Amino acid sequence: MTPLEWIISDDTGISSITIWAVMMGIKDIPRASIPHDPDDFGRCYRLLSKFPEWRERLNEVAERFPRWKRLVGDWDTLTELYEEEEPTGTAPKLYRLMERLRSE
């Protein structure tokens, strides 16, 4: 899958599109957003799984959109919680951490 194929797929959301747009060098991102819940995070997780080289560049998203800074800083922990909880179909620990990071 290429980045252009991904953007027209059905596994996108505003937060994952924000990552995609920054990585693709798109300057005008009118609806940039952070992930707000485990489903949003999951779309970002799957995007970065398809393009793992982008994980190393997530700080570029935080530089453009300061609301991402805390999430990017704790991305590894968020990822671990997602991988732990995703098979259960519920992710309360991930959601609580995301809420705390968004409020800081």
N, C-alpha and C. Protein backbone atom coordinates (compact mmCIF):
# COMPACT_ATOMS: atom_id res chain seq x y z
N MET A 1 0.85 -1.18 0.00
CA MET A 1 0.00 0.00 0.00
C MET A 1 0.89 1.24 0.00
N THR A 2 0.51 2.22 -0.79
CA THR A 2 1.22 3.49 -0.82
C THR A 2 0.46 4.50 0.04
N PRO A 3 1.10 5.61 0.41
CA PRO A 3 0.38 6.64 1.16
C PRO A 3 -0.85 7.17 0.41
N LEU A 4 -0.78 7.24 -0.90
CA LEU A 4 -1.95 7.72 -1.65
C LEU A 4 -3.07 6.70 -1.65
N GLU A 5 -2.73 5.43 -1.65
CA GLU A 5 -3.76 4.40 -1.54
C GLU A 5 -4.39 4.43 -0.14
N TRP A 6 -3.57 4.69 0.87
CA TRP A 6 -4.09 4.72 2.23
C TRP A 6 -5.13 5.83 2.39
N ILE A 7 -4.84 7.02 1.86
CA ILE A 7 -5.73 8.16 2.10
C ILE A 7 -7.12 7.93 1.51
N ILE A 8 -7.25 7.08 0.52
CA ILE A 8 -8.58 6.81 -0.03
C ILE A 8 -9.17 5.51 0.52
N SER A 9 -8.51 4.94 1.52
CA SER A 9 -9.03 3.72 2.14
C SER A 9 -10.14 4.06 3.13
N ASP A 10 -10.71 3.04 3.72
CA ASP A 10 -11.79 3.26 4.69
C ASP A 10 -11.30 3.19 6.14
N ASP A 11 -9.99 3.27 6.36
CA ASP A 11 -9.44 3.22 7.71
C ASP A 11 -8.75 4.54 8.05
N THR A 12 -9.46 5.63 7.82
CA THR A 12 -8.92 6.95 8.10
C THR A 12 -9.82 7.70 9.08
N GLY A 13 -9.24 8.66 9.74
CA GLY A 13 -9.96 9.56 10.63
C GLY A 13 -9.18 10.86 10.65
N ILE A 14 -9.75 11.87 11.29
CA ILE A 14 -9.11 13.19 11.24
C ILE A 14 -7.71 13.16 11.84
N SER A 15 -7.51 12.44 12.94
CA SER A 15 -6.18 12.42 13.55
C SER A 15 -5.16 11.66 12.69
N SER A 16 -5.57 10.53 12.12
CA SER A 16 -4.63 9.81 11.25
C SER A 16 -4.38 10.58 9.96
N ILE A 17 -5.38 11.29 9.47
CA ILE A 17 -5.18 12.15 8.29
C ILE A 17 -4.23 13.29 8.62
N THR A 18 -4.27 13.77 9.85
CA THR A 18 -3.33 14.82 10.28
C THR A 18 -1.90 14.30 10.17
N ILE A 19 -1.65 13.09 10.68
CA ILE A 19 -0.31 12.49 10.56
C ILE A 19 0.07 12.36 9.09
N TRP A 20 -0.82 11.78 8.30
CA TRP A 20 -0.57 11.56 6.87
C TRP A 20 -0.21 12.88 6.18
N ALA A 21 -0.99 13.92 6.45
CA ALA A 21 -0.77 15.20 5.77
C ALA A 21 0.58 15.81 6.13
N VAL A 22 0.96 15.74 7.40
CA VAL A 22 2.27 16.26 7.79
C VAL A 22 3.37 15.46 7.11
N MET A 23 3.26 14.15 7.12
CA MET A 23 4.28 13.30 6.50
C MET A 23 4.37 13.53 4.99
N MET A 24 3.26 13.87 4.38
CA MET A 24 3.22 14.11 2.93
C MET A 24 3.61 15.54 2.57
N GLY A 25 3.85 16.39 3.57
CA GLY A 25 4.27 17.76 3.30
C GLY A 25 3.14 18.69 2.92
N ILE A 26 1.93 18.34 3.25
CA ILE A 26 0.78 19.20 2.94
C ILE A 26 0.77 20.36 3.91
N LYS A 27 0.73 21.56 3.39
CA LYS A 27 0.84 22.76 4.22
C LYS A 27 -0.47 23.16 4.88
N ASP A 28 -1.57 23.10 4.15
CA ASP A 28 -2.86 23.55 4.67
C ASP A 28 -3.67 22.34 5.12
N ILE A 29 -3.81 22.19 6.43
CA ILE A 29 -4.57 21.09 7.00
C ILE A 29 -5.69 21.71 7.83
N PRO A 30 -6.83 21.96 7.22
CA PRO A 30 -7.88 22.72 7.89
C PRO A 30 -8.53 22.01 9.08
N ARG A 31 -8.51 20.70 9.13
CA ARG A 31 -9.20 19.99 10.21
C ARG A 31 -8.23 19.13 11.02
N ALA A 32 -7.06 19.62 11.29
CA ALA A 32 -6.08 18.86 12.06
C ALA A 32 -6.62 18.55 13.45
N SER A 33 -6.34 17.34 13.92
CA SER A 33 -6.84 16.93 15.23
C SER A 33 -5.95 15.85 15.83
N ILE A 34 -6.02 15.76 17.14
CA ILE A 34 -5.37 14.68 17.86
C ILE A 34 -6.34 13.51 17.98
N PRO A 35 -5.84 12.30 18.28
CA PRO A 35 -6.76 11.20 18.54
C PRO A 35 -7.47 11.42 19.87
N HIS A 36 -8.77 11.23 19.88
CA HIS A 36 -9.57 11.49 21.09
C HIS A 36 -10.00 10.25 21.84
N ASP A 37 -9.88 9.08 21.23
CA ASP A 37 -10.30 7.85 21.89
C ASP A 37 -9.51 6.68 21.29
N PRO A 38 -9.65 5.50 21.88
CA PRO A 38 -8.89 4.36 21.38
C PRO A 38 -9.14 4.03 19.90
N ASP A 39 -10.35 4.26 19.42
CA ASP A 39 -10.61 4.02 17.99
C ASP A 39 -9.77 4.97 17.13
N ASP A 40 -9.73 6.25 17.51
CA ASP A 40 -8.89 7.22 16.79
C ASP A 40 -7.43 6.79 16.85
N PHE A 41 -6.99 6.42 18.05
CA PHE A 41 -5.60 6.00 18.20
C PHE A 41 -5.33 4.78 17.33
N GLY A 42 -6.27 3.87 17.27
CA GLY A 42 -6.10 2.67 16.45
C GLY A 42 -5.87 2.98 14.99
N ARG A 43 -6.57 3.97 14.47
CA ARG A 43 -6.35 4.35 13.06
C ARG A 43 -4.95 4.92 12.88
N CYS A 44 -4.48 5.71 13.85
CA CYS A 44 -3.11 6.24 13.79
C CYS A 44 -2.10 5.09 13.90
N TYR A 45 -2.36 4.18 14.81
CA TYR A 45 -1.50 3.01 15.01
C TYR A 45 -1.38 2.20 13.72
N ARG A 46 -2.51 1.93 13.08
CA ARG A 46 -2.47 1.14 11.85
C ARG A 46 -1.78 1.89 10.71
N LEU A 47 -1.96 3.22 10.66
CA LEU A 47 -1.25 4.02 9.65
C LEU A 47 0.26 3.88 9.85
N LEU A 48 0.71 4.04 11.10
CA LEU A 48 2.14 3.95 11.36
C LEU A 48 2.67 2.53 11.21
N SER A 49 1.80 1.55 11.34
CA SER A 49 2.21 0.17 11.08
C SER A 49 2.46 -0.04 9.58
N LYS A 50 1.69 0.65 8.76
CA LYS A 50 1.87 0.54 7.31
C LYS A 50 3.11 1.31 6.85
N PHE A 51 3.42 2.40 7.53
CA PHE A 51 4.55 3.26 7.15
C PHE A 51 5.41 3.49 8.40
N PRO A 52 6.12 2.47 8.86
CA PRO A 52 6.85 2.57 10.14
C PRO A 52 7.92 3.66 10.15
N GLU A 53 8.42 4.04 9.02
CA GLU A 53 9.42 5.11 8.98
C GLU A 53 8.81 6.44 9.45
N TRP A 54 7.51 6.57 9.38
CA TRP A 54 6.85 7.79 9.85
C TRP A 54 6.84 7.89 11.37
N ARG A 55 6.92 6.78 12.07
CA ARG A 55 6.94 6.80 13.54
C ARG A 55 8.10 7.65 14.03
N GLU A 56 9.24 7.52 13.36
CA GLU A 56 10.42 8.30 13.74
C GLU A 56 10.22 9.80 13.51
N ARG A 57 9.24 10.15 12.72
CA ARG A 57 9.01 11.56 12.36
C ARG A 57 7.80 12.16 13.07
N LEU A 58 7.21 11.45 14.02
CA LEU A 58 6.00 11.97 14.68
C LEU A 58 6.22 13.32 15.35
N ASN A 59 7.46 13.59 15.74
CA ASN A 59 7.73 14.90 16.35
C ASN A 59 7.41 16.04 15.38
N GLU A 60 7.43 15.78 14.07
CA GLU A 60 7.06 16.81 13.09
C GLU A 60 5.59 17.20 13.25
N VAL A 61 4.76 16.23 13.59
CA VAL A 61 3.34 16.52 13.82
C VAL A 61 3.21 17.41 15.06
N ALA A 62 3.95 17.07 16.12
CA ALA A 62 3.91 17.87 17.35
C ALA A 62 4.47 19.28 17.14
N GLU A 63 5.45 19.41 16.27
CA GLU A 63 5.99 20.73 15.98
C GLU A 63 4.96 21.61 15.27
N ARG A 64 4.21 21.02 14.36
CA ARG A 64 3.18 21.78 13.64
C ARG A 64 1.95 22.02 14.47
N PHE A 65 1.60 21.03 15.30
CA PHE A 65 0.37 21.09 16.08
C PHE A 65 0.71 20.78 17.54
N PRO A 66 0.94 21.80 18.34
CA PRO A 66 1.40 21.61 19.72
C PRO A 66 0.51 20.70 20.57
N ARG A 67 -0.77 20.58 20.27
CA ARG A 67 -1.64 19.68 21.04
C ARG A 67 -1.17 18.23 20.95
N TRP A 68 -0.38 17.89 19.95
CA TRP A 68 0.13 16.55 19.77
C TRP A 68 1.34 16.25 20.67
N LYS A 69 1.95 17.28 21.25
CA LYS A 69 3.24 17.11 21.93
C LYS A 69 3.20 16.05 23.02
N ARG A 70 2.25 16.10 23.93
CA ARG A 70 2.18 15.13 25.02
C ARG A 70 1.91 13.72 24.48
N LEU A 71 1.03 13.62 23.48
CA LEU A 71 0.73 12.30 22.92
C LEU A 71 1.97 11.70 22.25
N VAL A 72 2.65 12.51 21.48
CA VAL A 72 3.86 12.02 20.79
C VAL A 72 4.91 11.63 21.82
N GLY A 73 5.03 12.41 22.89
CA GLY A 73 6.01 12.10 23.93
C GLY A 73 5.76 10.77 24.62
N ASP A 74 4.50 10.35 24.67
CA ASP A 74 4.14 9.09 25.32
C ASP A 74 3.63 8.06 24.31
N TRP A 75 4.00 8.22 23.04
CA TRP A 75 3.48 7.34 21.98
C TRP A 75 3.80 5.87 22.24
N ASP A 76 5.00 5.59 22.74
CA ASP A 76 5.36 4.19 22.99
C ASP A 76 4.45 3.57 24.05
N THR A 77 4.15 4.31 25.10
CA THR A 77 3.26 3.80 26.15
C THR A 77 1.85 3.64 25.60
N LEU A 78 1.38 4.60 24.83
CA LEU A 78 0.06 4.49 24.21
C LEU A 78 -0.01 3.25 23.32
N THR A 79 1.05 3.02 22.56
CA THR A 79 1.11 1.86 21.68
C THR A 79 1.06 0.56 22.48
N GLU A 80 1.82 0.50 23.56
CA GLU A 80 1.82 -0.70 24.40
C GLU A 80 0.43 -0.98 24.95
N LEU A 81 -0.25 0.06 25.44
CA LEU A 81 -1.60 -0.12 25.97
C LEU A 81 -2.57 -0.55 24.87
N TYR A 82 -2.44 0.04 23.70
CA TYR A 82 -3.30 -0.34 22.58
C TYR A 82 -3.11 -1.81 22.24
N GLU A 83 -1.86 -2.23 22.13
CA GLU A 83 -1.58 -3.63 21.78
C GLU A 83 -2.06 -4.59 22.87
N GLU A 84 -1.97 -4.16 24.12
CA GLU A 84 -2.43 -4.99 25.23
C GLU A 84 -3.96 -5.11 25.23
N GLU A 85 -4.65 -3.99 25.03
CA GLU A 85 -6.10 -3.97 25.22
C GLU A 85 -6.91 -4.23 23.96
N GLU A 86 -6.36 -3.99 22.79
CA GLU A 86 -7.11 -4.11 21.55
C GLU A 86 -7.77 -5.48 21.38
N PRO A 87 -7.09 -6.57 21.71
CA PRO A 87 -7.74 -7.88 21.54
C PRO A 87 -8.98 -8.08 22.41
N THR A 88 -9.09 -7.30 23.50
CA THR A 88 -10.24 -7.45 24.40
C THR A 88 -11.47 -6.72 23.89
N GLY A 89 -11.29 -5.82 22.94
CA GLY A 89 -12.41 -5.04 22.42
C GLY A 89 -12.75 -3.82 23.26
N THR A 90 -11.99 -3.60 24.31
CA THR A 90 -12.18 -2.43 25.16
C THR A 90 -10.80 -1.95 25.60
N ALA A 91 -10.65 -0.66 25.83
CA ALA A 91 -9.33 -0.12 26.15
C ALA A 91 -9.42 0.96 27.22
N PRO A 92 -9.84 0.62 28.42
CA PRO A 92 -10.00 1.66 29.46
C PRO A 92 -8.69 2.29 29.90
N LYS A 93 -7.61 1.51 29.98
CA LYS A 93 -6.32 2.10 30.40
C LYS A 93 -5.81 3.07 29.33
N LEU A 94 -5.94 2.68 28.08
CA LEU A 94 -5.52 3.56 26.99
C LEU A 94 -6.34 4.84 27.01
N TYR A 95 -7.64 4.71 27.16
CA TYR A 95 -8.51 5.89 27.16
C TYR A 95 -8.16 6.83 28.32
N ARG A 96 -7.93 6.27 29.51
CA ARG A 96 -7.59 7.12 30.67
C ARG A 96 -6.28 7.87 30.43
N LEU A 97 -5.28 7.18 29.87
CA LEU A 97 -4.02 7.87 29.59
C LEU A 97 -4.22 8.94 28.53
N MET A 98 -4.99 8.65 27.50
CA MET A 98 -5.24 9.65 26.46
C MET A 98 -5.94 10.87 27.05
N GLU A 99 -6.92 10.65 27.93
CA GLU A 99 -7.61 11.77 28.56
C GLU A 99 -6.64 12.62 29.38
N ARG A 100 -5.78 11.96 30.15
CA ARG A 100 -4.82 12.69 30.98
C ARG A 100 -3.86 13.50 30.10
N LEU A 101 -3.35 12.92 29.04
CA LEU A 101 -2.42 13.62 28.16
C LEU A 101 -3.09 14.79 27.45
N ARG A 102 -4.34 14.62 27.07
CA ARG A 102 -5.06 15.73 26.40
C ARG A 102 -5.29 16.89 27.34
N SER A 103 -5.47 16.61 28.63
CA SER A 103 -5.79 17.67 29.57
C SER A 103 -4.56 18.40 30.11
N GLU A 104 -3.39 17.84 29.87
CA GLU A 104 -2.15 18.48 30.37
C GLU A 104 -1.69 19.60 29.46
